[in-house]
Amino acid sequence: MKPDNRKFYQTTYIVEILSETSIPEYMDLKDVLEESEYGSYSSDIKSQKTVEVDAKTMTKLLIDQRIDPSFFDLDFEEEVA
């Protein structure tokens, strides 16, 4: 396999959500953020961190998210053992 010199980035946000009721488990992040923008939740981004990762690390991160590495034209052989 040829070396992959592309750059990839992993960004992590910590978001605080304030609400009068518990957020239902079935709500995904998109729904929660929409409710905080237009509905009855309040939200605030507490931190954001972006790190550069190599192709091997990105492959593992994609697999951890249950996303096929081909999403970024990577393959399973790049996975870190």
C-alpha atoms as a PDB file:
ATOM      1  CA  MET A   1       0.000   0.000   0.000  1.00  0.00           C
ATOM      2  CA  LYS A   2       1.278   3.456  -0.874  1.00  0.00           C
ATOM      3  CA  PRO A   3       1.895   5.940   1.951  1.00  0.00           C
ATOM      4  CA  ASP A   4      -0.935   8.373   2.588  1.00  0.00           C
ATOM      5  CA  ASN A   5       0.372  11.869   3.284  1.00  0.00           C
ATOM      6  CA  ARG A   6      -3.001  13.575   3.443  1.00  0.00           C
ATOM      7  CA  LYS A   7      -3.877  15.528   6.568  1.00  0.00           C
ATOM      8  CA  PHE A   8      -6.889  14.584   8.659  1.00  0.00           C
ATOM      9  CA  TYR A   9      -8.358  16.354  11.662  1.00  0.00           C
ATOM     10  CA  GLN A  10     -10.219  15.241  14.754  1.00  0.00           C
ATOM     11  CA  THR A  11     -12.280  17.972  16.410  1.00  0.00           C
ATOM     12  CA  THR A  12     -13.926  17.523  19.797  1.00  0.00           C
ATOM     13  CA  TYR A  13     -16.486  19.912  21.241  1.00  0.00           C
ATOM     14  CA  ILE A  14     -17.729  20.050  24.804  1.00  0.00           C
ATOM     15  CA  VAL A  15     -21.220  21.556  24.755  1.00  0.00           C
ATOM     16  CA  GLU A  16     -23.246  22.339  27.854  1.00  0.00           C
ATOM     17  CA  ILE A  17     -27.028  21.986  27.457  1.00  0.00           C
ATOM     18  CA  LEU A  18     -29.396  23.435  30.056  1.00  0.00           C
ATOM     19  CA  SER A  19     -33.017  22.285  30.144  1.00  0.00           C
ATOM     20  CA  GLU A  20     -36.024  22.070  32.457  1.00  0.00           C
ATOM     21  CA  THR A  21     -36.439  18.364  31.699  1.00  0.00           C
ATOM     22  CA  SER A  22     -34.082  15.493  31.032  1.00  0.00           C
ATOM     23  CA  ILE A  23     -33.072  15.202  27.382  1.00  0.00           C
ATOM     24  CA  PRO A  24     -34.660  12.047  25.909  1.00  0.00           C
ATOM     25  CA  GLU A  25     -32.178   9.331  24.911  1.00  0.00           C
ATOM     26  CA  TYR A  26     -33.680   9.087  21.422  1.00  0.00           C
ATOM     27  CA  MET A  27     -32.658  12.658  20.564  1.00  0.00           C
ATOM     28  CA  ASP A  28     -29.485  12.897  18.512  1.00  0.00           C
ATOM     29  CA  LEU A  29     -27.034  15.794  18.630  1.00  0.00           C
ATOM     30  CA  LYS A  30     -28.645  17.549  15.668  1.00  0.00           C
ATOM     31  CA  ASP A  31     -32.034  17.531  17.410  1.00  0.00           C
ATOM     32  CA  VAL A  32     -30.587  18.722  20.717  1.00  0.00           C
ATOM     33  CA  LEU A  33     -28.756  21.611  19.045  1.00  0.00           C
ATOM     34  CA  GLU A  34     -31.865  22.531  17.066  1.00  0.00           C
ATOM     35  CA  GLU A  35     -33.911  22.557  20.276  1.00  0.00           C
ATOM     36  CA  SER A  36     -31.287  24.789  21.898  1.00  0.00           C
ATOM     37  CA  GLU A  37     -31.425  27.226  18.977  1.00  0.00           C
ATOM     38  CA  TYR A  38     -35.198  27.343  18.397  1.00  0.00           C
ATOM     39  CA  GLY A  39     -36.803  25.640  21.374  1.00  0.00           C
ATOM     40  CA  SER A  40     -36.620  25.259  25.129  1.00  0.00           C
ATOM     41  CA  TYR A  41     -32.939  24.325  25.677  1.00  0.00           C
ATOM     42  CA  SER A  42     -30.001  26.626  26.256  1.00  0.00           C
ATOM     43  CA  SER A  43     -26.548  25.662  25.004  1.00  0.00           C
ATOM     44  CA  ASP A  44     -23.013  26.939  25.270  1.00  0.00           C
ATOM     45  CA  ILE A  45     -19.798  25.614  23.701  1.00  0.00           C
ATOM     46  CA  LYS A  46     -17.399  25.193  26.601  1.00  0.00           C
ATOM     47  CA  SER A  47     -14.384  24.071  24.582  1.00  0.00           C
ATOM     48  CA  GLN A  48     -13.184  23.020  21.152  1.00  0.00           C
ATOM     49  CA  LYS A  49     -10.041  21.030  20.438  1.00  0.00           C
ATOM     50  CA  THR A  50      -8.719  20.108  16.989  1.00  0.00           C
ATOM     51  CA  VAL A  51      -5.770  17.790  16.454  1.00  0.00           C
ATOM     52  CA  GLU A  52      -4.158  16.587  13.242  1.00  0.00           C
ATOM     53  CA  VAL A  53      -4.171  12.813  12.823  1.00  0.00           C
ATOM     54  CA  ASP A  54      -2.555  10.483  10.312  1.00  0.00           C
ATOM     55  CA  ALA A  55      -4.369   8.109   7.959  1.00  0.00           C
ATOM     56  CA  LYS A  56      -3.916   5.119  10.266  1.00  0.00           C
ATOM     57  CA  THR A  57      -5.423   6.966  13.230  1.00  0.00           C
ATOM     58  CA  MET A  58      -8.276   8.356  11.116  1.00  0.00           C
ATOM     59  CA  THR A  59      -9.123   4.846   9.936  1.00  0.00           C
ATOM     60  CA  LYS A  60      -9.401   3.660  13.541  1.00  0.00           C
ATOM     61  CA  LEU A  61     -11.489   6.707  14.506  1.00  0.00           C
ATOM     62  CA  LEU A  62     -13.894   6.070  11.619  1.00  0.00           C
ATOM     63  CA  ILE A  63     -14.246   2.404  12.560  1.00  0.00           C
ATOM     64  CA  ASP A  64     -14.899   3.443  16.187  1.00  0.00           C
ATOM     65  CA  GLN A  65     -17.753   5.637  14.885  1.00  0.00           C
ATOM     66  CA  ARG A  66     -19.086   2.690  12.839  1.00  0.00           C
ATOM     67  CA  ILE A  67     -18.218   4.504   9.593  1.00  0.00           C
ATOM     68  CA  ASP A  68     -16.574   2.686   6.697  1.00  0.00           C
ATOM     69  CA  PRO A  69     -13.040   4.089   6.184  1.00  0.00           C
ATOM     70  CA  SER A  70     -13.834   4.442   2.480  1.00  0.00           C
ATOM     71  CA  PHE A  71     -15.681   7.600   3.603  1.00  0.00           C
ATOM     72  CA  PHE A  72     -12.243   9.259   3.273  1.00  0.00           C
ATOM     73  CA  ASP A  73     -10.893   6.822   0.669  1.00  0.00           C
ATOM     74  CA  LEU A  74      -9.109   4.813   3.361  1.00  0.00           C
ATOM     75  CA  ASP A  75      -9.242   1.065   3.851  1.00  0.00           C
ATOM     76  CA  PHE A  76      -9.373  -1.346   6.765  1.00  0.00           C
ATOM     77  CA  GLU A  77      -5.713  -2.311   6.288  1.00  0.00           C
ATOM     78  CA  GLU A  78      -4.786   1.116   7.704  1.00  0.00           C
ATOM     79  CA  GLU A  79      -6.354   0.236  11.070  1.00  0.00           C
ATOM     80  CA  VAL A  80      -4.082   0.356  14.086  1.00  0.00           C
ATOM     81  CA  ALA A  81      -3.899  -3.050  15.791  1.00  0.00           C
END
